[in-house]
Amino acid sequence: MPTELILGFAMAGTFVLYSLFGGADFGGGVWDLLASGPRKAEQRALIARAIGPVWEVNHVWLIVGLVLLFSGFSRAFAVLTVALHVPLTLLLLGIVFRGTAFTFRTYDARGDRVQRRWGLVFSVASVISPALLGMCVGAVVSGSIHVEGRAVVSGFFQPWLTPFALAVGALALCLFAFLAAVYLSAEADTEPLREDFRRRALGAGGAVFVAAFGVLLLAREGAPRVWGGLFHEPFALAVHAVTAVAAVATFVLLWRRRFPWARVTAATQVGFIVLGWAASQYPYLVVPDLTLQDAAASPPVLRLLLVALAVGLLTVVPSIVLLLRVFQARPPQGQQR
């Protein structure tokens, strides 16, 4: 298998992992904003407890993916950062404001008005950031970014403000909220709180279906490459079949209150949606002007990057597993509050 294809798969894998972990953190911020009812404080406390130890670490997958893009496919990195510099800058600002607000809210005086303002900043940034991320993805796959020679000629706003890109942004937001609600239903330590997030997960799952249907309707005109990939590429068809099975299984498991298994199938559903996006646009990194092979660095650089990736994963993955086991371990039953 060519080295650039291996690194392309690895890059897609980092975005899958970022969706499953970082995306769920964004979704937690959505539910923090929408916390309601008599257990509103308990809902927000559960969200803070679930994402508190690991929210910053989850961005490592986004960083790895961007480093692979910058180092192994620098021409594509240059095109994307020029064409999408406005939404990418807003996305980075949202991530920074979100993390800063979460920290200040956690350590500020309890019940203080300033703390509530930090909570609002955290929640709003958690809603805006995944929508912008989805809009960037929509712009990349739609074919709206055009390159002539080394210059981007499609403008700085039109590619990510098309109806298709906006629909993909809505889908990303719904997906992350759905994933977070499923995770939180499994993390809740009381039955009423578990039921709160179970209902939210079912509702968000319905919103995912509606948003995905909207993306599909707009794809024929707004992203013809993706439309063709969805219905004609064998690998993409297999990926979408697995996604559909996982989606149905998640609804059934939520209905039957099998929360640990629902978490697995929901993660499978979201992961295969991201893989389906990558499969449907292959071999393009930027549709329609830049392929994986065209943007790849020289073979020696790709080989060194592959070695660095392998060594890095041997260090990072065990560290993250240890972090999760230490900081997200549940207290003994008698010590739960």
C-alpha atoms as a PDB file:
ATOM      1  CA  MET A   1       0.000   0.000   0.000  1.00  0.00           C
ATOM      2  CA  PRO A   2       1.436   3.446  -0.896  1.00  0.00           C
ATOM      3  CA  THR A   3       2.723   5.462   2.049  1.00  0.00           C
ATOM      4  CA  GLU A   4       0.510   8.453   1.246  1.00  0.00           C
ATOM      5  CA  LEU A   5      -2.559   6.202   1.382  1.00  0.00           C
ATOM      6  CA  ILE A   6      -1.534   4.827   4.790  1.00  0.00           C
ATOM      7  CA  LEU A   7      -1.075   8.362   6.097  1.00  0.00           C
ATOM      8  CA  GLY A   8      -4.407   9.356   4.557  1.00  0.00           C
ATOM      9  CA  PHE A   9      -6.119   6.550   6.474  1.00  0.00           C
ATOM     10  CA  ALA A  10      -4.267   7.611   9.624  1.00  0.00           C
ATOM     11  CA  MET A  11      -5.406  11.204   9.158  1.00  0.00           C
ATOM     12  CA  ALA A  12      -9.008  10.062   8.749  1.00  0.00           C
ATOM     13  CA  GLY A  13      -8.572   7.962  11.897  1.00  0.00           C
ATOM     14  CA  THR A  14      -7.468  10.977  13.933  1.00  0.00           C
ATOM     15  CA  PHE A  15     -10.591  12.875  12.861  1.00  0.00           C
ATOM     16  CA  VAL A  16     -12.726   9.882  13.860  1.00  0.00           C
ATOM     17  CA  LEU A  17     -11.119   9.848  17.303  1.00  0.00           C
ATOM     18  CA  TYR A  18     -11.540  13.609  17.640  1.00  0.00           C
ATOM     19  CA  SER A  19     -15.221  13.254  16.809  1.00  0.00           C
ATOM     20  CA  LEU A  20     -15.716  10.475  19.383  1.00  0.00           C
ATOM     21  CA  PHE A  21     -13.904  12.248  22.207  1.00  0.00           C
ATOM     22  CA  GLY A  22     -13.627  15.957  21.459  1.00  0.00           C
ATOM     23  CA  GLY A  23     -17.010  15.930  19.730  1.00  0.00           C
ATOM     24  CA  ALA A  24     -18.656  14.467  22.808  1.00  0.00           C
ATOM     25  CA  ASP A  25     -17.104  17.272  24.858  1.00  0.00           C
ATOM     26  CA  PHE A  26     -18.643  19.847  22.517  1.00  0.00           C
ATOM     27  CA  GLY A  27     -21.955  18.038  22.875  1.00  0.00           C
ATOM     28  CA  GLY A  28     -21.657  18.235  26.642  1.00  0.00           C
ATOM     29  CA  GLY A  29     -21.497  22.011  26.299  1.00  0.00           C
ATOM     30  CA  VAL A  30     -24.685  21.927  24.224  1.00  0.00           C
ATOM     31  CA  TRP A  31     -26.524  20.099  27.005  1.00  0.00           C
ATOM     32  CA  ASP A  32     -25.010  22.464  29.563  1.00  0.00           C
ATOM     33  CA  LEU A  33     -26.689  25.301  27.675  1.00  0.00           C
ATOM     34  CA  LEU A  34     -29.977  23.370  27.439  1.00  0.00           C
ATOM     35  CA  ALA A  35     -30.004  22.068  31.035  1.00  0.00           C
ATOM     36  CA  SER A  36     -33.523  22.391  32.408  1.00  0.00           C
ATOM     37  CA  GLY A  37     -36.021  21.038  34.877  1.00  0.00           C
ATOM     38  CA  PRO A  38     -35.716  20.316  38.595  1.00  0.00           C
ATOM     39  CA  ARG A  39     -32.355  18.573  38.093  1.00  0.00           C
ATOM     40  CA  LYS A  40     -30.731  21.365  36.080  1.00  0.00           C
ATOM     41  CA  ALA A  41     -27.874  21.776  38.565  1.00  0.00           C
ATOM     42  CA  GLU A  42     -27.306  18.013  38.710  1.00  0.00           C
ATOM     43  CA  GLN A  43     -27.222  17.811  34.902  1.00  0.00           C
ATOM     44  CA  ARG A  44     -24.521  20.466  34.708  1.00  0.00           C
ATOM     45  CA  ALA A  45     -22.565  18.846  37.533  1.00  0.00           C
ATOM     46  CA  LEU A  46     -22.585  15.516  35.680  1.00  0.00           C
ATOM     47  CA  ILE A  47     -21.372  17.192  32.493  1.00  0.00           C
ATOM     48  CA  ALA A  48     -18.549  18.944  34.344  1.00  0.00           C
ATOM     49  CA  ARG A  49     -17.570  15.724  36.114  1.00  0.00           C
ATOM     50  CA  ALA A  50     -17.572  13.720  32.889  1.00  0.00           C
ATOM     51  CA  ILE A  51     -15.465  16.080  30.774  1.00  0.00           C
ATOM     52  CA  GLY A  52     -13.435  17.840  33.475  1.00  0.00           C
ATOM     53  CA  PRO A  53     -10.379  15.546  33.641  1.00  0.00           C
ATOM     54  CA  VAL A  54      -9.995  14.927  29.908  1.00  0.00           C
ATOM     55  CA  TRP A  55     -11.517  17.791  27.872  1.00  0.00           C
ATOM     56  CA  GLU A  56      -8.149  19.351  27.015  1.00  0.00           C
ATOM     57  CA  VAL A  57      -6.455  16.034  26.225  1.00  0.00           C
ATOM     58  CA  ASN A  58      -9.054  15.189  23.583  1.00  0.00           C
ATOM     59  CA  HIS A  59      -7.715  17.940  21.331  1.00  0.00           C
ATOM     60  CA  VAL A  60      -4.564  15.862  20.838  1.00  0.00           C
ATOM     61  CA  TRP A  61      -6.330  13.984  18.028  1.00  0.00           C
ATOM     62  CA  LEU A  62      -7.106  17.196  16.168  1.00  0.00           C
ATOM     63  CA  ILE A  63      -3.488  18.292  16.594  1.00  0.00           C
ATOM     64  CA  VAL A  64      -2.156  14.965  15.269  1.00  0.00           C
ATOM     65  CA  GLY A  65      -4.452  15.164  12.251  1.00  0.00           C
ATOM     66  CA  LEU A  66      -3.374  18.729  11.467  1.00  0.00           C
ATOM     67  CA  VAL A  67       0.313  17.822  11.849  1.00  0.00           C
ATOM     68  CA  LEU A  68      -0.143  14.916   9.421  1.00  0.00           C
ATOM     69  CA  LEU A  69      -1.863  17.272   6.975  1.00  0.00           C
ATOM     70  CA  PHE A  70       0.773  19.994   7.350  1.00  0.00           C
ATOM     71  CA  SER A  71       3.779  17.676   7.173  1.00  0.00           C
ATOM     72  CA  GLY A  72       2.609  15.047   4.704  1.00  0.00           C
ATOM     73  CA  PHE A  73       0.240  17.034   2.464  1.00  0.00           C
ATOM     74  CA  SER A  74       1.433  20.609   2.815  1.00  0.00           C
ATOM     75  CA  ARG A  75      -0.106  21.802  -0.447  1.00  0.00           C
ATOM     76  CA  ALA A  76      -3.572  20.775   0.764  1.00  0.00           C
ATOM     77  CA  PHE A  77      -2.880  22.384   4.144  1.00  0.00           C
ATOM     78  CA  ALA A  78      -1.978  25.658   2.425  1.00  0.00           C
ATOM     79  CA  VAL A  79      -5.100  25.613   0.249  1.00  0.00           C
ATOM     80  CA  LEU A  80      -7.440  24.842   3.161  1.00  0.00           C
ATOM     81  CA  THR A  81      -5.971  27.369   5.560  1.00  0.00           C
ATOM     82  CA  VAL A  82      -6.228  30.109   2.918  1.00  0.00           C
ATOM     83  CA  ALA A  83      -9.686  29.246   1.605  1.00  0.00           C
ATOM     84  CA  LEU A  84     -11.151  28.589   5.067  1.00  0.00           C
ATOM     85  CA  HIS A  85      -9.125  30.957   7.192  1.00  0.00           C
ATOM     86  CA  VAL A  86     -12.252  32.812   8.387  1.00  0.00           C
ATOM     87  CA  PRO A  87     -14.197  29.793   9.799  1.00  0.00           C
ATOM     88  CA  LEU A  88     -10.987  28.105  10.994  1.00  0.00           C
ATOM     89  CA  THR A  89      -9.988  31.244  12.914  1.00  0.00           C
ATOM     90  CA  LEU A  90     -13.471  31.456  14.437  1.00  0.00           C
ATOM     91  CA  LEU A  91     -13.273  27.739  15.299  1.00  0.00           C
ATOM     92  CA  LEU A  92      -9.933  28.182  17.074  1.00  0.00           C
ATOM     93  CA  LEU A  93     -11.280  31.197  18.958  1.00  0.00           C
ATOM     94  CA  GLY A  94     -14.308  29.121  19.980  1.00  0.00           C
ATOM     95  CA  ILE A  95     -12.080  26.310  21.279  1.00  0.00           C
ATOM     96  CA  VAL A  96      -9.958  28.798  23.237  1.00  0.00           C
ATOM     97  CA  PHE A  97     -12.947  30.654  24.714  1.00  0.00           C
ATOM     98  CA  ARG A  98     -14.646  27.352  25.535  1.00  0.00           C
ATOM     99  CA  GLY A  99     -11.655  25.976  27.427  1.00  0.00           C
ATOM    100  CA  THR A 100     -10.951  29.247  29.207  1.00  0.00           C
ATOM    101  CA  ALA A 101     -14.572  29.673  30.258  1.00  0.00           C
ATOM    102  CA  PHE A 102     -14.794  26.096  31.525  1.00  0.00           C
ATOM    103  CA  THR A 103     -11.698  26.604  33.689  1.00  0.00           C
ATOM    104  CA  PHE A 104     -12.842  29.924  35.133  1.00  0.00           C
ATOM    105  CA  ARG A 105     -16.331  28.582  35.795  1.00  0.00           C
ATOM    106  CA  THR A 106     -14.898  25.588  37.628  1.00  0.00           C
ATOM    107  CA  TYR A 107     -12.638  27.602  39.933  1.00  0.00           C
ATOM    108  CA  ASP A 108     -14.607  30.827  40.321  1.00  0.00           C
ATOM    109  CA  ALA A 109     -16.843  31.494  43.333  1.00  0.00           C
ATOM    110  CA  ARG A 110     -19.860  29.159  43.411  1.00  0.00           C
ATOM    111  CA  GLY A 111     -23.168  30.792  42.562  1.00  0.00           C
ATOM    112  CA  ASP A 112     -21.491  34.054  41.576  1.00  0.00           C
ATOM    113  CA  ARG A 113     -22.922  35.997  38.639  1.00  0.00           C
ATOM    114  CA  VAL A 114     -19.505  36.023  36.935  1.00  0.00           C
ATOM    115  CA  GLN A 115     -19.407  32.234  37.139  1.00  0.00           C
ATOM    116  CA  ARG A 116     -22.770  32.026  35.391  1.00  0.00           C
ATOM    117  CA  ARG A 117     -21.446  34.273  32.637  1.00  0.00           C
ATOM    118  CA  TRP A 118     -18.453  31.978  32.166  1.00  0.00           C
ATOM    119  CA  GLY A 119     -20.888  29.084  31.926  1.00  0.00           C
ATOM    120  CA  LEU A 120     -22.776  30.874  29.163  1.00  0.00           C
ATOM    121  CA  VAL A 121     -19.548  31.536  27.245  1.00  0.00           C
ATOM    122  CA  PHE A 122     -18.604  27.848  27.590  1.00  0.00           C
ATOM    123  CA  SER A 123     -21.993  26.678  26.339  1.00  0.00           C
ATOM    124  CA  VAL A 124     -22.306  29.110  23.414  1.00  0.00           C
ATOM    125  CA  ALA A 125     -18.753  28.335  22.233  1.00  0.00           C
ATOM    126  CA  SER A 126     -19.606  24.622  22.459  1.00  0.00           C
ATOM    127  CA  VAL A 127     -22.517  25.185  20.074  1.00  0.00           C
ATOM    128  CA  ILE A 128     -20.733  27.439  17.582  1.00  0.00           C
ATOM    129  CA  SER A 129     -17.463  25.469  17.310  1.00  0.00           C
ATOM    130  CA  PRO A 130     -18.848  22.124  16.029  1.00  0.00           C
ATOM    131  CA  ALA A 131     -21.132  23.962  13.607  1.00  0.00           C
ATOM    132  CA  LEU A 132     -18.106  25.780  12.160  1.00  0.00           C
ATOM    133  CA  LEU A 133     -16.174  22.510  11.989  1.00  0.00           C
ATOM    134  CA  GLY A 134     -18.997  20.915  10.029  1.00  0.00           C
ATOM    135  CA  MET A 135     -19.234  23.908   7.702  1.00  0.00           C
ATOM    136  CA  CYS A 136     -15.522  23.562   6.929  1.00  0.00           C
ATOM    137  CA  VAL A 137     -16.029  19.885   6.100  1.00  0.00           C
ATOM    138  CA  GLY A 138     -18.986  20.787   3.898  1.00  0.00           C
ATOM    139  CA  ALA A 139     -16.894  23.332   2.034  1.00  0.00           C
ATOM    140  CA  VAL A 140     -14.065  20.833   1.460  1.00  0.00           C
ATOM    141  CA  VAL A 141     -16.277  18.094  -0.008  1.00  0.00           C
ATOM    142  CA  SER A 142     -18.649  20.335  -1.947  1.00  0.00           C
ATOM    143  CA  GLY A 143     -16.201  21.285  -4.681  1.00  0.00           C
ATOM    144  CA  SER A 144     -16.623  24.990  -3.912  1.00  0.00           C
ATOM    145  CA  ILE A 145     -12.919  25.541  -3.195  1.00  0.00           C
ATOM    146  CA  HIS A 146     -11.085  26.105  -6.484  1.00  0.00           C
ATOM    147  CA  VAL A 147      -7.353  26.291  -7.044  1.00  0.00           C
ATOM    148  CA  GLU A 148      -5.515  27.627 -10.079  1.00  0.00           C
ATOM    149  CA  GLY A 149      -1.831  26.885  -9.886  1.00  0.00           C
ATOM    150  CA  ARG A 150      -0.950  27.762  -6.302  1.00  0.00           C
ATOM    151  CA  ALA A 151      -3.693  30.340  -5.780  1.00  0.00           C
ATOM    152  CA  VAL A 152      -7.140  29.900  -4.241  1.00  0.00           C
ATOM    153  CA  VAL A 153      -9.624  31.624  -6.549  1.00  0.00           C
ATOM    154  CA  SER A 154     -12.947  30.753  -4.922  1.00  0.00           C
ATOM    155  CA  GLY A 155     -13.069  33.549  -2.335  1.00  0.00           C
ATOM    156  CA  PHE A 156     -13.061  33.416   1.450  1.00  0.00           C
ATOM    157  CA  PHE A 157     -16.774  33.222   2.280  1.00  0.00           C
ATOM    158  CA  GLN A 158     -18.759  31.531  -0.481  1.00  0.00           C
ATOM    159  CA  PRO A 159     -17.393  27.953  -0.027  1.00  0.00           C
ATOM    160  CA  TRP A 160     -18.457  27.584   3.620  1.00  0.00           C
ATOM    161  CA  LEU A 161     -21.705  29.571   3.450  1.00  0.00           C
ATOM    162  CA  THR A 162     -23.478  27.401   0.867  1.00  0.00           C
ATOM    163  CA  PRO A 163     -26.717  25.624   1.859  1.00  0.00           C
ATOM    164  CA  PHE A 164     -24.875  22.282   1.764  1.00  0.00           C
ATOM    165  CA  ALA A 165     -22.061  23.488   4.055  1.00  0.00           C
ATOM    166  CA  LEU A 166     -24.571  24.978   6.499  1.00  0.00           C
ATOM    167  CA  ALA A 167     -26.474  21.672   6.515  1.00  0.00           C
ATOM    168  CA  VAL A 168     -23.274  19.754   7.283  1.00  0.00           C
ATOM    169  CA  GLY A 169     -22.610  22.192  10.143  1.00  0.00           C
ATOM    170  CA  ALA A 170     -26.070  21.460  11.562  1.00  0.00           C
ATOM    171  CA  LEU A 171     -25.442  17.718  11.186  1.00  0.00           C
ATOM    172  CA  ALA A 172     -22.123  17.948  13.057  1.00  0.00           C
ATOM    173  CA  LEU A 173     -23.794  19.841  15.901  1.00  0.00           C
ATOM    174  CA  CYS A 174     -26.612  17.285  16.152  1.00  0.00           C
ATOM    175  CA  LEU A 175     -24.171  14.363  15.998  1.00  0.00           C
ATOM    176  CA  PHE A 176     -22.004  15.690  18.816  1.00  0.00           C
ATOM    177  CA  ALA A 177     -25.027  16.480  20.987  1.00  0.00           C
ATOM    178  CA  PHE A 178     -26.394  12.982  20.355  1.00  0.00           C
ATOM    179  CA  LEU A 179     -23.076  11.344  21.217  1.00  0.00           C
ATOM    180  CA  ALA A 180     -22.737  13.362  24.428  1.00  0.00           C
ATOM    181  CA  ALA A 181     -26.268  12.519  25.565  1.00  0.00           C
ATOM    182  CA  VAL A 182     -25.640   8.784  25.056  1.00  0.00           C
ATOM    183  CA  TYR A 183     -22.327   8.966  26.916  1.00  0.00           C
ATOM    184  CA  LEU A 184     -23.899  10.932  29.775  1.00  0.00           C
ATOM    185  CA  SER A 185     -26.793   8.500  30.109  1.00  0.00           C
ATOM    186  CA  ALA A 186     -24.193   5.798  30.748  1.00  0.00           C
ATOM    187  CA  GLU A 187     -22.181   8.035  33.121  1.00  0.00           C
ATOM    188  CA  ALA A 188     -25.135   9.131  35.289  1.00  0.00           C
ATOM    189  CA  ASP A 189     -25.167   7.613  38.773  1.00  0.00           C
ATOM    190  CA  THR A 190     -28.866   8.162  39.563  1.00  0.00           C
ATOM    191  CA  GLU A 191     -31.900   6.838  37.713  1.00  0.00           C
ATOM    192  CA  PRO A 192     -33.691  10.215  37.249  1.00  0.00           C
ATOM    193  CA  LEU A 193     -30.542  11.794  35.816  1.00  0.00           C
ATOM    194  CA  ARG A 194     -30.016   8.814  33.536  1.00  0.00           C
ATOM    195  CA  GLU A 195     -33.559   9.188  32.237  1.00  0.00           C
ATOM    196  CA  ASP A 196     -33.008  12.915  31.589  1.00  0.00           C
ATOM    197  CA  PHE A 197     -30.134  12.179  29.225  1.00  0.00           C
ATOM    198  CA  ARG A 198     -31.831   9.130  27.738  1.00  0.00           C
ATOM    199  CA  ARG A 199     -34.677  11.347  26.559  1.00  0.00           C
ATOM    200  CA  ARG A 200     -32.200  13.880  25.240  1.00  0.00           C
ATOM    201  CA  ALA A 201     -30.318  11.145  23.380  1.00  0.00           C
ATOM    202  CA  LEU A 202     -33.495   9.904  21.709  1.00  0.00           C
ATOM    203  CA  GLY A 203     -34.469  13.443  20.716  1.00  0.00           C
ATOM    204  CA  ALA A 204     -30.983  14.252  19.434  1.00  0.00           C
ATOM    205  CA  GLY A 205     -30.953  10.976  17.482  1.00  0.00           C
ATOM    206  CA  GLY A 206     -34.118  12.092  15.720  1.00  0.00           C
ATOM    207  CA  ALA A 207     -32.465  15.455  14.978  1.00  0.00           C
ATOM    208  CA  VAL A 208     -29.464  13.606  13.496  1.00  0.00           C
ATOM    209  CA  PHE A 209     -31.786  11.702  11.163  1.00  0.00           C
ATOM    210  CA  VAL A 210     -33.478  14.922  10.000  1.00  0.00           C
ATOM    211  CA  ALA A 211     -30.145  16.735   9.532  1.00  0.00           C
ATOM    212  CA  ALA A 212     -28.617  13.776   7.665  1.00  0.00           C
ATOM    213  CA  PHE A 213     -31.643  13.636   5.370  1.00  0.00           C
ATOM    214  CA  GLY A 214     -31.242  17.356   4.674  1.00  0.00           C
ATOM    215  CA  VAL A 215     -27.545  16.881   3.845  1.00  0.00           C
ATOM    216  CA  LEU A 216     -28.442  14.002   1.523  1.00  0.00           C
ATOM    217  CA  LEU A 217     -31.036  16.093  -0.324  1.00  0.00           C
ATOM    218  CA  LEU A 218     -28.602  18.974  -0.794  1.00  0.00           C
ATOM    219  CA  ALA A 219     -25.633  16.770  -1.726  1.00  0.00           C
ATOM    220  CA  ARG A 220     -26.799  16.058  -5.280  1.00  0.00           C
ATOM    221  CA  GLU A 221     -26.418  19.704  -6.277  1.00  0.00           C
ATOM    222  CA  GLY A 222     -24.164  20.962  -3.492  1.00  0.00           C
ATOM    223  CA  ALA A 223     -21.609  18.116  -3.384  1.00  0.00           C
ATOM    224  CA  PRO A 224     -21.867  15.911  -6.498  1.00  0.00           C
ATOM    225  CA  ARG A 225     -18.649  14.043  -5.655  1.00  0.00           C
ATOM    226  CA  VAL A 226     -20.046  12.989  -2.274  1.00  0.00           C
ATOM    227  CA  TRP A 227     -23.394  12.141  -3.874  1.00  0.00           C
ATOM    228  CA  GLY A 228     -21.649   9.841  -6.342  1.00  0.00           C
ATOM    229  CA  GLY A 229     -19.501   8.318  -3.616  1.00  0.00           C
ATOM    230  CA  LEU A 230     -22.528   7.607  -1.458  1.00  0.00           C
ATOM    231  CA  PHE A 231     -24.196   5.509  -4.126  1.00  0.00           C
ATOM    232  CA  HIS A 232     -21.432   4.157  -6.362  1.00  0.00           C
ATOM    233  CA  GLU A 233     -18.274   3.480  -4.320  1.00  0.00           C
ATOM    234  CA  PRO A 234     -18.364  -0.076  -2.839  1.00  0.00           C
ATOM    235  CA  PHE A 235     -16.363   0.856   0.264  1.00  0.00           C
ATOM    236  CA  ALA A 236     -18.560   3.881   0.939  1.00  0.00           C
ATOM    237  CA  LEU A 237     -21.699   1.778   0.553  1.00  0.00           C
ATOM    238  CA  ALA A 238     -20.386  -0.742   3.093  1.00  0.00           C
ATOM    239  CA  VAL A 239     -19.531   2.060   5.521  1.00  0.00           C
ATOM    240  CA  HIS A 240     -23.016   3.547   5.242  1.00  0.00           C
ATOM    241  CA  ALA A 241     -24.615   0.128   5.764  1.00  0.00           C
ATOM    242  CA  VAL A 242     -22.698  -0.286   9.027  1.00  0.00           C
ATOM    243  CA  THR A 243     -23.722   3.241  10.025  1.00  0.00           C
ATOM    244  CA  ALA A 244     -27.389   2.463   9.476  1.00  0.00           C
ATOM    245  CA  VAL A 245     -27.214  -0.759  11.508  1.00  0.00           C
ATOM    246  CA  ALA A 246     -25.400   1.031  14.346  1.00  0.00           C
ATOM    247  CA  ALA A 247     -27.984   3.851  14.349  1.00  0.00           C
ATOM    248  CA  VAL A 248     -30.919   1.435  14.637  1.00  0.00           C
ATOM    249  CA  ALA A 249     -29.117  -0.570  17.319  1.00  0.00           C
ATOM    250  CA  THR A 250     -28.467   2.590  19.341  1.00  0.00           C
ATOM    251  CA  PHE A 251     -32.143   3.536  19.340  1.00  0.00           C
ATOM    252  CA  VAL A 252     -33.156   0.016  20.383  1.00  0.00           C
ATOM    253  CA  LEU A 253     -30.580  -0.097  23.163  1.00  0.00           C
ATOM    254  CA  LEU A 254     -31.586   3.331  24.467  1.00  0.00           C
ATOM    255  CA  TRP A 255     -35.234   2.303  24.413  1.00  0.00           C
ATOM    256  CA  ARG A 256     -34.357  -0.834  26.406  1.00  0.00           C
ATOM    257  CA  ARG A 257     -32.034   1.147  28.694  1.00  0.00           C
ATOM    258  CA  ARG A 258     -28.898  -0.809  27.829  1.00  0.00           C
ATOM    259  CA  PHE A 259     -26.712   2.252  28.243  1.00  0.00           C
ATOM    260  CA  PRO A 260     -23.161   0.793  28.120  1.00  0.00           C
ATOM    261  CA  TRP A 261     -23.917  -0.988  24.844  1.00  0.00           C
ATOM    262  CA  ALA A 262     -25.708   2.085  23.484  1.00  0.00           C
ATOM    263  CA  ARG A 263     -22.510   4.025  24.062  1.00  0.00           C
ATOM    264  CA  VAL A 264     -20.605   1.518  21.917  1.00  0.00           C
ATOM    265  CA  THR A 265     -23.096   1.566  19.042  1.00  0.00           C
ATOM    266  CA  ALA A 266     -23.420   5.369  19.123  1.00  0.00           C
ATOM    267  CA  ALA A 267     -19.644   5.708  18.877  1.00  0.00           C
ATOM    268  CA  THR A 268     -19.689   3.218  15.991  1.00  0.00           C
ATOM    269  CA  GLN A 269     -22.392   5.225  14.238  1.00  0.00           C
ATOM    270  CA  VAL A 270     -20.542   8.541  14.521  1.00  0.00           C
ATOM    271  CA  GLY A 271     -17.174   6.997  13.665  1.00  0.00           C
ATOM    272  CA  PHE A 272     -18.488   5.407  10.485  1.00  0.00           C
ATOM    273  CA  ILE A 273     -20.211   8.635   9.446  1.00  0.00           C
ATOM    274  CA  VAL A 274     -16.818  10.349   9.541  1.00  0.00           C
ATOM    275  CA  LEU A 275     -15.223   7.420   7.686  1.00  0.00           C
ATOM    276  CA  GLY A 276     -18.022   7.596   5.130  1.00  0.00           C
ATOM    277  CA  TRP A 277     -17.212  11.240   4.495  1.00  0.00           C
ATOM    278  CA  ALA A 278     -13.537  10.346   3.899  1.00  0.00           C
ATOM    279  CA  ALA A 279     -14.431   7.384   1.672  1.00  0.00           C
ATOM    280  CA  SER A 280     -16.916   9.312  -0.439  1.00  0.00           C
ATOM    281  CA  GLN A 281     -14.402  12.039  -1.349  1.00  0.00           C
ATOM    282  CA  TYR A 282     -11.415   9.728  -1.993  1.00  0.00           C
ATOM    283  CA  PRO A 283      -8.988  10.262  -3.753  1.00  0.00           C
ATOM    284  CA  TYR A 284      -9.478  14.010  -3.221  1.00  0.00           C
ATOM    285  CA  LEU A 285      -8.217  15.982  -0.269  1.00  0.00           C
ATOM    286  CA  VAL A 286      -9.800  19.139  -1.668  1.00  0.00           C
ATOM    287  CA  VAL A 287     -12.581  18.408  -4.142  1.00  0.00           C
ATOM    288  CA  PRO A 288     -12.187  18.802  -7.148  1.00  0.00           C
ATOM    289  CA  ASP A 289      -8.680  20.173  -7.691  1.00  0.00           C
ATOM    290  CA  LEU A 290      -6.331  18.394  -5.267  1.00  0.00           C
ATOM    291  CA  THR A 291      -5.932  14.644  -4.768  1.00  0.00           C
ATOM    292  CA  LEU A 292      -4.126  12.766  -2.045  1.00  0.00           C
ATOM    293  CA  GLN A 293      -1.330  11.844  -4.449  1.00  0.00           C
ATOM    294  CA  ASP A 294      -0.979  15.380  -5.859  1.00  0.00           C
ATOM    295  CA  ALA A 295      -0.637  16.933  -2.411  1.00  0.00           C
ATOM    296  CA  ALA A 296       1.692  14.306  -0.919  1.00  0.00           C
ATOM    297  CA  ALA A 297       5.205  15.225   0.165  1.00  0.00           C
ATOM    298  CA  SER A 298       8.271  13.386  -1.136  1.00  0.00           C
ATOM    299  CA  PRO A 299       8.533   9.645  -0.288  1.00  0.00           C
ATOM    300  CA  PRO A 300      11.395  10.084   2.251  1.00  0.00           C
ATOM    301  CA  VAL A 301       9.334  12.676   4.164  1.00  0.00           C
ATOM    302  CA  LEU A 302       6.278  10.419   4.178  1.00  0.00           C
ATOM    303  CA  ARG A 303       8.294   7.459   5.471  1.00  0.00           C
ATOM    304  CA  LEU A 304       9.811   9.515   8.284  1.00  0.00           C
ATOM    305  CA  LEU A 305       6.382  10.858   9.155  1.00  0.00           C
ATOM    306  CA  LEU A 306       4.995   7.314   9.307  1.00  0.00           C
ATOM    307  CA  VAL A 307       7.770   6.281  11.722  1.00  0.00           C
ATOM    308  CA  ALA A 308       7.149   9.371  13.876  1.00  0.00           C
ATOM    309  CA  LEU A 309       3.426   8.580  13.936  1.00  0.00           C
ATOM    310  CA  ALA A 310       4.037   4.998  15.068  1.00  0.00           C
ATOM    311  CA  VAL A 311       6.422   6.083  17.841  1.00  0.00           C
ATOM    312  CA  GLY A 312       4.041   8.828  18.939  1.00  0.00           C
ATOM    313  CA  LEU A 313       1.063   6.468  19.138  1.00  0.00           C
ATOM    314  CA  LEU A 314       3.069   4.053  21.291  1.00  0.00           C
ATOM    315  CA  THR A 315       3.508   6.920  23.749  1.00  0.00           C
ATOM    316  CA  VAL A 316       0.202   8.765  23.495  1.00  0.00           C
ATOM    317  CA  VAL A 317      -2.316   5.904  23.500  1.00  0.00           C
ATOM    318  CA  PRO A 318      -1.126   4.211  26.741  1.00  0.00           C
ATOM    319  CA  SER A 319      -0.921   7.636  28.403  1.00  0.00           C
ATOM    320  CA  ILE A 320      -4.515   8.491  27.499  1.00  0.00           C
ATOM    321  CA  VAL A 321      -5.749   5.061  28.620  1.00  0.00           C
ATOM    322  CA  LEU A 322      -4.005   5.561  31.970  1.00  0.00           C
ATOM    323  CA  LEU A 323      -5.474   9.062  32.274  1.00  0.00           C
ATOM    324  CA  LEU A 324      -8.992   7.755  31.703  1.00  0.00           C
ATOM    325  CA  ARG A 325      -8.562   4.907  34.172  1.00  0.00           C
ATOM    326  CA  VAL A 326      -7.202   7.186  36.893  1.00  0.00           C
ATOM    327  CA  PHE A 327      -9.396  10.273  36.580  1.00  0.00           C
ATOM    328  CA  GLN A 328     -12.645   8.790  35.354  1.00  0.00           C
ATOM    329  CA  ALA A 329     -12.763   5.810  37.686  1.00  0.00           C
ATOM    330  CA  ARG A 330     -16.024   5.752  39.612  1.00  0.00           C
ATOM    331  CA  PRO A 331     -15.869   6.020  43.384  1.00  0.00           C
ATOM    332  CA  PRO A 332     -17.058   3.072  45.445  1.00  0.00           C
ATOM    333  CA  GLN A 333     -20.841   2.866  45.714  1.00  0.00           C
ATOM    334  CA  GLY A 334     -20.832   3.977  49.325  1.00  0.00           C
ATOM    335  CA  GLN A 335     -18.868   7.116  48.476  1.00  0.00           C
ATOM    336  CA  GLN A 336     -21.096   8.363  45.642  1.00  0.00           C
ATOM    337  CA  ARG A 337     -23.049  11.491  46.328  1.00  0.00           C
END
